[in-house]
Amino acid sequence: MVRDNDYVAVFHSVHRVMKAEKLLKREKLDILLIPTPRQLTSDCGLAIRYDADLHARVDVVLTTENLQPIELYRKTATGFELVAGIA
């Protein structure tokens, strides 16, 4: 379940999302691998959900490993807001 203010990171392949999950869990970050919410599109069908207070740490880990998501959303009361996307 995605709660208000949670971030949802969408990747373009199962390989990349699984690698990101492994790296983030190795750093002891409280993230969760979830099915991509229906409102969002994803080639692989999986995404990573995490609390807003982890955003900076997650961003550092993924950027360091050159594993940024293709889209990053933040859940709001009315839906999902695109925070960042790679063109």
PDB file of N, CA and C in Angstrom:
ATOM      1  N   MET A   1       0.836  -1.185   0.000  1.00  0.00           N
ATOM      2  CA  MET A   1       0.000   0.000   0.000  1.00  0.00           C
ATOM      3  C   MET A   1       0.884   1.253   0.000  1.00  0.00           C
ATOM      4  N   VAL A   2       0.505   2.207  -0.797  1.00  0.00           N
ATOM      5  CA  VAL A   2       1.232   3.465  -0.874  1.00  0.00           C
ATOM      6  C   VAL A   2       0.465   4.506  -0.070  1.00  0.00           C
ATOM      7  N   ARG A   3       1.154   5.106   0.905  1.00  0.00           N
ATOM      8  CA  ARG A   3       0.531   6.113   1.765  1.00  0.00           C
ATOM      9  C   ARG A   3       0.854   7.508   1.249  1.00  0.00           C
ATOM     10  N   ASP A   4       0.067   8.500   1.674  1.00  0.00           N
ATOM     11  CA  ASP A   4       0.340   9.881   1.308  1.00  0.00           C
ATOM     12  C   ASP A   4       1.766  10.247   1.696  1.00  0.00           C
ATOM     13  N   ASN A   5       2.436  10.969   0.832  1.00  0.00           N
ATOM     14  CA  ASN A   5       3.820  11.439   0.958  1.00  0.00           C
ATOM     15  C   ASN A   5       4.869  10.374   0.683  1.00  0.00           C
ATOM     16  N   ASP A   6       4.481   9.124   0.464  1.00  0.00           N
ATOM     17  CA  ASP A   6       5.448   8.097   0.079  1.00  0.00           C
ATOM     18  C   ASP A   6       5.959   8.393  -1.326  1.00  0.00           C
ATOM     19  N   TYR A   7       7.182   7.963  -1.588  1.00  0.00           N
ATOM     20  CA  TYR A   7       7.754   8.051  -2.925  1.00  0.00           C
ATOM     21  C   TYR A   7       7.639   6.687  -3.600  1.00  0.00           C
ATOM     22  N   VAL A   8       7.443   6.711  -4.919  1.00  0.00           N
ATOM     23  CA  VAL A   8       7.403   5.493  -5.721  1.00  0.00           C
ATOM     24  C   VAL A   8       8.383   5.680  -6.873  1.00  0.00           C
ATOM     25  N   ALA A   9       9.404   4.836  -6.894  1.00  0.00           N
ATOM     26  CA  ALA A   9      10.435   4.885  -7.929  1.00  0.00           C
ATOM     27  C   ALA A   9      10.140   3.814  -8.969  1.00  0.00           C
ATOM     28  N   VAL A  10      10.022   4.239 -10.222  1.00  0.00           N
ATOM     29  CA  VAL A  10       9.688   3.347 -11.329  1.00  0.00           C
ATOM     30  C   VAL A  10      10.929   3.152 -12.197  1.00  0.00           C
ATOM     31  N   PHE A  11      11.234   1.905 -12.512  1.00  0.00           N
ATOM     32  CA  PHE A  11      12.402   1.558 -13.325  1.00  0.00           C
ATOM     33  C   PHE A  11      11.936   0.936 -14.636  1.00  0.00           C
ATOM     34  N   HIS A  12      12.823   0.891 -15.641  1.00  0.00           N
ATOM     35  CA  HIS A  12      12.400   0.376 -16.955  1.00  0.00           C
ATOM     36  C   HIS A  12      12.594  -1.121 -17.123  1.00  0.00           C
ATOM     37  N   SER A  13      13.186  -1.790 -16.116  1.00  0.00           N
ATOM     38  CA  SER A  13      13.350  -3.233 -16.257  1.00  0.00           C
ATOM     39  C   SER A  13      13.341  -3.908 -14.886  1.00  0.00           C
ATOM     40  N   VAL A  14      12.980  -5.165 -14.888  1.00  0.00           N
ATOM     41  CA  VAL A  14      12.983  -5.950 -13.652  1.00  0.00           C
ATOM     42  C   VAL A  14      14.400  -6.027 -13.095  1.00  0.00           C
ATOM     43  N   HIS A  15      15.379  -6.182 -13.972  1.00  0.00           N
ATOM     44  CA  HIS A  15      16.772  -6.272 -13.538  1.00  0.00           C
ATOM     45  C   HIS A  15      17.176  -5.038 -12.730  1.00  0.00           C
ATOM     46  N   ARG A  16      16.848  -3.851 -13.235  1.00  0.00           N
ATOM     47  CA  ARG A  16      17.238  -2.614 -12.548  1.00  0.00           C
ATOM     48  C   ARG A  16      16.495  -2.428 -11.226  1.00  0.00           C
ATOM     49  N   VAL A  17      15.226  -2.752 -11.188  1.00  0.00           N
ATOM     50  CA  VAL A  17      14.478  -2.579  -9.937  1.00  0.00           C
ATOM     51  C   VAL A  17      14.971  -3.568  -8.876  1.00  0.00           C
ATOM     52  N   MET A  18      15.304  -4.781  -9.293  1.00  0.00           N
ATOM     53  CA  MET A  18      15.820  -5.771  -8.345  1.00  0.00           C
ATOM     54  C   MET A  18      17.210  -5.384  -7.837  1.00  0.00           C
ATOM     55  N   LYS A  19      18.032  -4.840  -8.718  1.00  0.00           N
ATOM     56  CA  LYS A  19      19.358  -4.378  -8.312  1.00  0.00           C
ATOM     57  C   LYS A  19      19.227  -3.206  -7.332  1.00  0.00           C
ATOM     58  N   ALA A  20      18.314  -2.282  -7.619  1.00  0.00           N
ATOM     59  CA  ALA A  20      18.088  -1.143  -6.725  1.00  0.00           C
ATOM     60  C   ALA A  20      17.597  -1.626  -5.360  1.00  0.00           C
ATOM     61  N   GLU A  21      16.672  -2.577  -5.359  1.00  0.00           N
ATOM     62  CA  GLU A  21      16.175  -3.127  -4.089  1.00  0.00           C
ATOM     63  C   GLU A  21      17.326  -3.719  -3.274  1.00  0.00           C
ATOM     64  N   LYS A  22      18.178  -4.495  -3.918  1.00  0.00           N
ATOM     65  CA  LYS A  22      19.303  -5.136  -3.232  1.00  0.00           C
ATOM     66  C   LYS A  22      20.243  -4.087  -2.626  1.00  0.00           C
ATOM     67  N   LEU A  23      20.573  -3.064  -3.394  1.00  0.00           N
ATOM     68  CA  LEU A  23      21.473  -2.012  -2.905  1.00  0.00           C
ATOM     69  C   LEU A  23      20.868  -1.256  -1.724  1.00  0.00           C
ATOM     70  N   LEU A  24      19.605  -0.910  -1.826  1.00  0.00           N
ATOM     71  CA  LEU A  24      18.948  -0.134  -0.768  1.00  0.00           C
ATOM     72  C   LEU A  24      18.785  -0.952   0.508  1.00  0.00           C
ATOM     73  N   LYS A  25      18.468  -2.226   0.364  1.00  0.00           N
ATOM     74  CA  LYS A  25      18.348  -3.084   1.550  1.00  0.00           C
ATOM     75  C   LYS A  25      19.714  -3.332   2.185  1.00  0.00           C
ATOM     76  N   ARG A  26      20.745  -3.414   1.372  1.00  0.00           N
ATOM     77  CA  ARG A  26      22.093  -3.582   1.905  1.00  0.00           C
ATOM     78  C   ARG A  26      22.478  -2.373   2.768  1.00  0.00           C
ATOM     79  N   GLU A  27      21.943  -1.204   2.409  1.00  0.00           N
ATOM     80  CA  GLU A  27      22.183   0.022   3.187  1.00  0.00           C
ATOM     81  C   GLU A  27      21.215   0.135   4.374  1.00  0.00           C
ATOM     82  N   LYS A  28      20.416  -0.911   4.588  1.00  0.00           N
ATOM     83  CA  LYS A  28      19.460  -0.978   5.710  1.00  0.00           C
ATOM     84  C   LYS A  28      18.374   0.097   5.618  1.00  0.00           C
ATOM     85  N   LEU A  29      17.990   0.447   4.399  1.00  0.00           N
ATOM     86  CA  LEU A  29      16.915   1.411   4.199  1.00  0.00           C
ATOM     87  C   LEU A  29      15.584   0.663   4.138  1.00  0.00           C
ATOM     88  N   ASP A  30      14.590   1.219   4.772  1.00  0.00           N
ATOM     89  CA  ASP A  30      13.270   0.592   4.863  1.00  0.00           C
ATOM     90  C   ASP A  30      12.471   0.886   3.591  1.00  0.00           C
ATOM     91  N   ILE A  31      12.719   0.075   2.569  1.00  0.00           N
ATOM     92  CA  ILE A  31      12.019   0.223   1.288  1.00  0.00           C
ATOM     93  C   ILE A  31      11.195  -1.031   1.046  1.00  0.00           C
ATOM     94  N   LEU A  32      10.290  -0.939   0.092  1.00  0.00           N
ATOM     95  CA  LEU A  32       9.443  -2.082  -0.210  1.00  0.00           C
ATOM     96  C   LEU A  32       9.280  -2.207  -1.719  1.00  0.00           C
ATOM     97  N   LEU A  33       9.479  -3.403  -2.242  1.00  0.00           N
ATOM     98  CA  LEU A  33       9.229  -3.696  -3.647  1.00  0.00           C
ATOM     99  C   LEU A  33       7.731  -3.926  -3.795  1.00  0.00           C
ATOM    100  N   ILE A  34       7.092  -3.169  -4.686  1.00  0.00           N
ATOM    101  CA  ILE A  34       5.637  -3.253  -4.842  1.00  0.00           C
ATOM    102  C   ILE A  34       5.274  -3.388  -6.322  1.00  0.00           C
ATOM    103  N   PRO A  35       4.064  -3.878  -6.611  1.00  0.00           N
ATOM    104  CA  PRO A  35       3.580  -3.783  -7.990  1.00  0.00           C
ATOM    105  C   PRO A  35       3.400  -2.299  -8.324  1.00  0.00           C
ATOM    106  N   THR A  36       3.752  -1.906  -9.521  1.00  0.00           N
ATOM    107  CA  THR A  36       3.573  -0.508  -9.907  1.00  0.00           C
ATOM    108  C   THR A  36       2.091  -0.158  -9.830  1.00  0.00           C
ATOM    109  N   PRO A  37       1.742   0.930  -9.140  1.00  0.00           N
ATOM    110  CA  PRO A  37       0.334   1.330  -9.052  1.00  0.00           C
ATOM    111  C   PRO A  37      -0.283   1.505 -10.438  1.00  0.00           C
ATOM    112  N   ARG A  38      -1.547   1.185 -10.566  1.00  0.00           N
ATOM    113  CA  ARG A  38      -2.234   1.229 -11.862  1.00  0.00           C
ATOM    114  C   ARG A  38      -2.174   2.598 -12.518  1.00  0.00           C
ATOM    115  N   GLN A  39      -2.167   3.653 -11.703  1.00  0.00           N
ATOM    116  CA  GLN A  39      -2.161   5.010 -12.247  1.00  0.00           C
ATOM    117  C   GLN A  39      -0.838   5.348 -12.945  1.00  0.00           C
ATOM    118  N   LEU A  40       0.190   4.563 -12.667  1.00  0.00           N
ATOM    119  CA  LEU A  40       1.516   4.795 -13.231  1.00  0.00           C
ATOM    120  C   LEU A  40       1.812   3.716 -14.257  1.00  0.00           C
ATOM    121  N   THR A  41       2.679   4.011 -15.202  1.00  0.00           N
ATOM    122  CA  THR A  41       3.045   3.002 -16.188  1.00  0.00           C
ATOM    123  C   THR A  41       4.448   2.506 -15.916  1.00  0.00           C
ATOM    124  N   SER A  42       4.668   1.265 -16.247  1.00  0.00           N
ATOM    125  CA  SER A  42       5.998   0.686 -16.062  1.00  0.00           C
ATOM    126  C   SER A  42       6.137  -0.518 -16.975  1.00  0.00           C
ATOM    127  N   ASP A  43       7.292  -0.620 -17.596  1.00  0.00           N
ATOM    128  CA  ASP A  43       7.551  -1.764 -18.463  1.00  0.00           C
ATOM    129  C   ASP A  43       7.689  -3.055 -17.662  1.00  0.00           C
ATOM    130  N   CYS A  44       8.212  -2.935 -16.444  1.00  0.00           N
ATOM    131  CA  CYS A  44       8.495  -4.164 -15.696  1.00  0.00           C
ATOM    132  C   CYS A  44       7.406  -4.507 -14.673  1.00  0.00           C
ATOM    133  N   GLY A  45       6.536  -3.569 -14.330  1.00  0.00           N
ATOM    134  CA  GLY A  45       5.444  -3.877 -13.416  1.00  0.00           C
ATOM    135  C   GLY A  45       5.799  -3.818 -11.944  1.00  0.00           C
ATOM    136  N   LEU A  46       7.050  -3.507 -11.615  1.00  0.00           N
ATOM    137  CA  LEU A  46       7.473  -3.404 -10.223  1.00  0.00           C
ATOM    138  C   LEU A  46       8.040  -2.016  -9.958  1.00  0.00           C
ATOM    139  N   ALA A  47       7.923  -1.585  -8.718  1.00  0.00           N
ATOM    140  CA  ALA A  47       8.440  -0.279  -8.311  1.00  0.00           C
ATOM    141  C   ALA A  47       8.941  -0.396  -6.875  1.00  0.00           C
ATOM    142  N   ILE A  48       9.631   0.629  -6.424  1.00  0.00           N
ATOM    143  CA  ILE A  48      10.113   0.673  -5.046  1.00  0.00           C
ATOM    144  C   ILE A  48       9.408   1.813  -4.326  1.00  0.00           C
ATOM    145  N   ARG A  49       8.828   1.496  -3.170  1.00  0.00           N
ATOM    146  CA  ARG A  49       8.147   2.479  -2.341  1.00  0.00           C
ATOM    147  C   ARG A  49       8.989   2.759  -1.110  1.00  0.00           C
ATOM    148  N   TYR A  50       9.050   4.048  -0.710  1.00  0.00           N
ATOM    149  CA  TYR A  50       9.755   4.401   0.512  1.00  0.00           C
ATOM    150  C   TYR A  50       9.189   5.687   1.092  1.00  0.00           C
ATOM    151  N   ASP A  51       9.418   5.877   2.392  1.00  0.00           N
ATOM    152  CA  ASP A  51       8.932   7.057   3.106  1.00  0.00           C
ATOM    153  C   ASP A  51       9.662   8.304   2.653  1.00  0.00           C
ATOM    154  N   ALA A  52       8.986   9.431   2.760  1.00  0.00           N
ATOM    155  CA  ALA A  52       9.556  10.714   2.350  1.00  0.00           C
ATOM    156  C   ALA A  52      10.840  11.042   3.114  1.00  0.00           C
ATOM    157  N   ASP A  53      10.922  10.630   4.374  1.00  0.00           N
ATOM    158  CA  ASP A  53      12.111  10.960   5.165  1.00  0.00           C
ATOM    159  C   ASP A  53      13.360  10.212   4.689  1.00  0.00           C
ATOM    160  N   LEU A  54      13.204   9.214   3.834  1.00  0.00           N
ATOM    161  CA  LEU A  54      14.351   8.470   3.279  1.00  0.00           C
ATOM    162  C   LEU A  54      14.786   8.977   1.913  1.00  0.00           C
ATOM    163  N   HIS A  55      14.070   9.934   1.379  1.00  0.00           N
ATOM    164  CA  HIS A  55      14.295  10.358  -0.005  1.00  0.00           C
ATOM    165  C   HIS A  55      15.754  10.736  -0.284  1.00  0.00           C
ATOM    166  N   ALA A  56      16.348  11.555   0.538  1.00  0.00           N
ATOM    167  CA  ALA A  56      17.728  11.998   0.292  1.00  0.00           C
ATOM    168  C   ALA A  56      18.700  10.821   0.312  1.00  0.00           C
ATOM    169  N   ARG A  57      18.543   9.919   1.268  1.00  0.00           N
ATOM    170  CA  ARG A  57      19.446   8.765   1.364  1.00  0.00           C
ATOM    171  C   ARG A  57      19.272   7.817   0.179  1.00  0.00           C
ATOM    172  N   VAL A  58      18.039   7.557  -0.199  1.00  0.00           N
ATOM    173  CA  VAL A  58      17.772   6.686  -1.352  1.00  0.00           C
ATOM    174  C   VAL A  58      18.379   7.310  -2.608  1.00  0.00           C
ATOM    175  N   ASP A  59      18.195   8.609  -2.779  1.00  0.00           N
ATOM    176  CA  ASP A  59      18.720   9.300  -3.952  1.00  0.00           C
ATOM    177  C   ASP A  59      20.240   9.181  -4.026  1.00  0.00           C
ATOM    178  N   VAL A  60      20.920   9.332  -2.916  1.00  0.00           N
ATOM    179  CA  VAL A  60      22.387   9.224  -2.895  1.00  0.00           C
ATOM    180  C   VAL A  60      22.833   7.823  -3.307  1.00  0.00           C
ATOM    181  N   VAL A  61      22.209   6.804  -2.738  1.00  0.00           N
ATOM    182  CA  VAL A  61      22.594   5.421  -3.056  1.00  0.00           C
ATOM    183  C   VAL A  61      22.381   5.130  -4.542  1.00  0.00           C
ATOM    184  N   LEU A  62      21.208   5.470  -5.059  1.00  0.00           N
ATOM    185  CA  LEU A  62      20.906   5.161  -6.456  1.00  0.00           C
ATOM    186  C   LEU A  62      21.757   5.985  -7.425  1.00  0.00           C
ATOM    187  N   THR A  63      22.008   7.243  -7.093  1.00  0.00           N
ATOM    188  CA  THR A  63      22.833   8.087  -7.953  1.00  0.00           C
ATOM    189  C   THR A  63      24.274   7.585  -7.965  1.00  0.00           C
ATOM    190  N   THR A  64      24.788   7.219  -6.802  1.00  0.00           N
ATOM    191  CA  THR A  64      26.154   6.705  -6.704  1.00  0.00           C
ATOM    192  C   THR A  64      26.345   5.471  -7.576  1.00  0.00           C
ATOM    193  N   GLU A  65      25.323   4.643  -7.652  1.00  0.00           N
ATOM    194  CA  GLU A  65      25.393   3.406  -8.442  1.00  0.00           C
ATOM    195  C   GLU A  65      24.881   3.585  -9.872  1.00  0.00           C
ATOM    196  N   ASN A  66      24.596   4.840 -10.265  1.00  0.00           N
ATOM    197  CA  ASN A  66      24.048   5.141 -11.586  1.00  0.00           C
ATOM    198  C   ASN A  66      22.812   4.290 -11.880  1.00  0.00           C
ATOM    199  N   LEU A  67      21.919   4.264 -10.913  1.00  0.00           N
ATOM    200  CA  LEU A  67      20.731   3.420 -10.992  1.00  0.00           C
ATOM    201  C   LEU A  67      19.461   4.226 -10.693  1.00  0.00           C
ATOM    202  N   GLN A  68      19.414   5.458 -11.185  1.00  0.00           N
ATOM    203  CA  GLN A  68      18.252   6.292 -10.932  1.00  0.00           C
ATOM    204  C   GLN A  68      17.016   5.719 -11.624  1.00  0.00           C
ATOM    205  N   PRO A  69      15.854   5.914 -11.004  1.00  0.00           N
ATOM    206  CA  PRO A  69      14.621   5.455 -11.647  1.00  0.00           C
ATOM    207  C   PRO A  69      14.311   6.313 -12.873  1.00  0.00           C
ATOM    208  N   ILE A  70      13.528   5.762 -13.795  1.00  0.00           N
ATOM    209  CA  ILE A  70      13.142   6.556 -14.964  1.00  0.00           C
ATOM    210  C   ILE A  70      12.065   7.565 -14.591  1.00  0.00           C
ATOM    211  N   GLU A  71      11.288   7.254 -13.549  1.00  0.00           N
ATOM    212  CA  GLU A  71      10.285   8.187 -13.036  1.00  0.00           C
ATOM    213  C   GLU A  71      10.213   8.048 -11.522  1.00  0.00           C
ATOM    214  N   LEU A  72      10.012   9.180 -10.860  1.00  0.00           N
ATOM    215  CA  LEU A  72       9.860   9.196  -9.420  1.00  0.00           C
ATOM    216  C   LEU A  72       8.602   9.988  -9.101  1.00  0.00           C
ATOM    217  N   TYR A  73       7.714   9.366  -8.341  1.00  0.00           N
ATOM    218  CA  TYR A  73       6.442   9.976  -7.983  1.00  0.00           C
ATOM    219  C   TYR A  73       6.328  10.123  -6.472  1.00  0.00           C
ATOM    220  N   ARG A  74       5.509  11.086  -6.068  1.00  0.00           N
ATOM    221  CA  ARG A  74       5.168  11.245  -4.661  1.00  0.00           C
ATOM    222  C   ARG A  74       3.655  11.147  -4.555  1.00  0.00           C
ATOM    223  N   LYS A  75       3.189  10.321  -3.626  1.00  0.00           N
ATOM    224  CA  LYS A  75       1.750  10.114  -3.439  1.00  0.00           C
ATOM    225  C   LYS A  75       1.169  11.313  -2.701  1.00  0.00           C
ATOM    226  N   THR A  76       0.079  11.846  -3.228  1.00  0.00           N
ATOM    227  CA  THR A  76      -0.645  12.929  -2.587  1.00  0.00           C
ATOM    228  C   THR A  76      -2.058  12.453  -2.285  1.00  0.00           C
ATOM    229  N   ALA A  77      -2.824  13.278  -1.639  1.00  0.00           N
ATOM    230  CA  ALA A  77      -4.204  12.918  -1.315  1.00  0.00           C
ATOM    231  C   ALA A  77      -5.045  12.707  -2.570  1.00  0.00           C
ATOM    232  N   THR A  78      -4.642  13.320  -3.675  1.00  0.00           N
ATOM    233  CA  THR A  78      -5.433  13.225  -4.901  1.00  0.00           C
ATOM    234  C   THR A  78      -4.841  12.304  -5.962  1.00  0.00           C
ATOM    235  N   GLY A  79      -3.693  11.712  -5.705  1.00  0.00           N
ATOM    236  CA  GLY A  79      -3.086  10.817  -6.691  1.00  0.00           C
ATOM    237  C   GLY A  79      -1.574  10.826  -6.590  1.00  0.00           C
ATOM    238  N   PHE A  80      -0.918  10.724  -7.736  1.00  0.00           N
ATOM    239  CA  PHE A  80       0.542  10.700  -7.784  1.00  0.00           C
ATOM    240  C   PHE A  80       1.054  11.936  -8.520  1.00  0.00           C
ATOM    241  N   GLU A  81       2.065  12.558  -7.935  1.00  0.00           N
ATOM    242  CA  GLU A  81       2.692  13.737  -8.524  1.00  0.00           C
ATOM    243  C   GLU A  81       4.079  13.357  -9.022  1.00  0.00           C
ATOM    244  N   LEU A  82       4.366  13.647 -10.287  1.00  0.00           N
ATOM    245  CA  LEU A  82       5.688  13.346 -10.852  1.00  0.00           C
ATOM    246  C   LEU A  82       6.708  14.291 -10.225  1.00  0.00           C
ATOM    247  N   VAL A  83       7.721  13.716  -9.601  1.00  0.00           N
ATOM    248  CA  VAL A  83       8.789  14.491  -8.964  1.00  0.00           C
ATOM    249  C   VAL A  83       9.967  14.623  -9.916  1.00  0.00           C
ATOM    250  N   ALA A  84      10.310  13.533 -10.584  1.00  0.00           N
ATOM    251  CA  ALA A  84      11.439  13.543 -11.509  1.00  0.00           C
ATOM    252  C   ALA A  84      11.226  12.460 -12.568  1.00  0.00           C
ATOM    253  N   GLY A  85      11.685  12.762 -13.759  1.00  0.00           N
ATOM    254  CA  GLY A  85      11.608  11.797 -14.849  1.00  0.00           C
ATOM    255  C   GLY A  85      12.789  11.973 -15.770  1.00  0.00           C
ATOM    256  N   ILE A  86      13.282  10.901 -16.299  1.00  0.00           N
ATOM    257  CA  ILE A  86      14.391  10.935 -17.237  1.00  0.00           C
ATOM    258  C   ILE A  86      13.804  10.855 -18.640  1.00  0.00           C
ATOM    259  N   ALA A  87      14.091  11.827 -19.434  1.00  0.00           N
ATOM    260  CA  ALA A  87      13.531  11.876 -20.789  1.00  0.00           C
ATOM    261  C   ALA A  87      14.199  10.874 -21.689  1.00  0.00           C
TER     262      ALA A  87
END
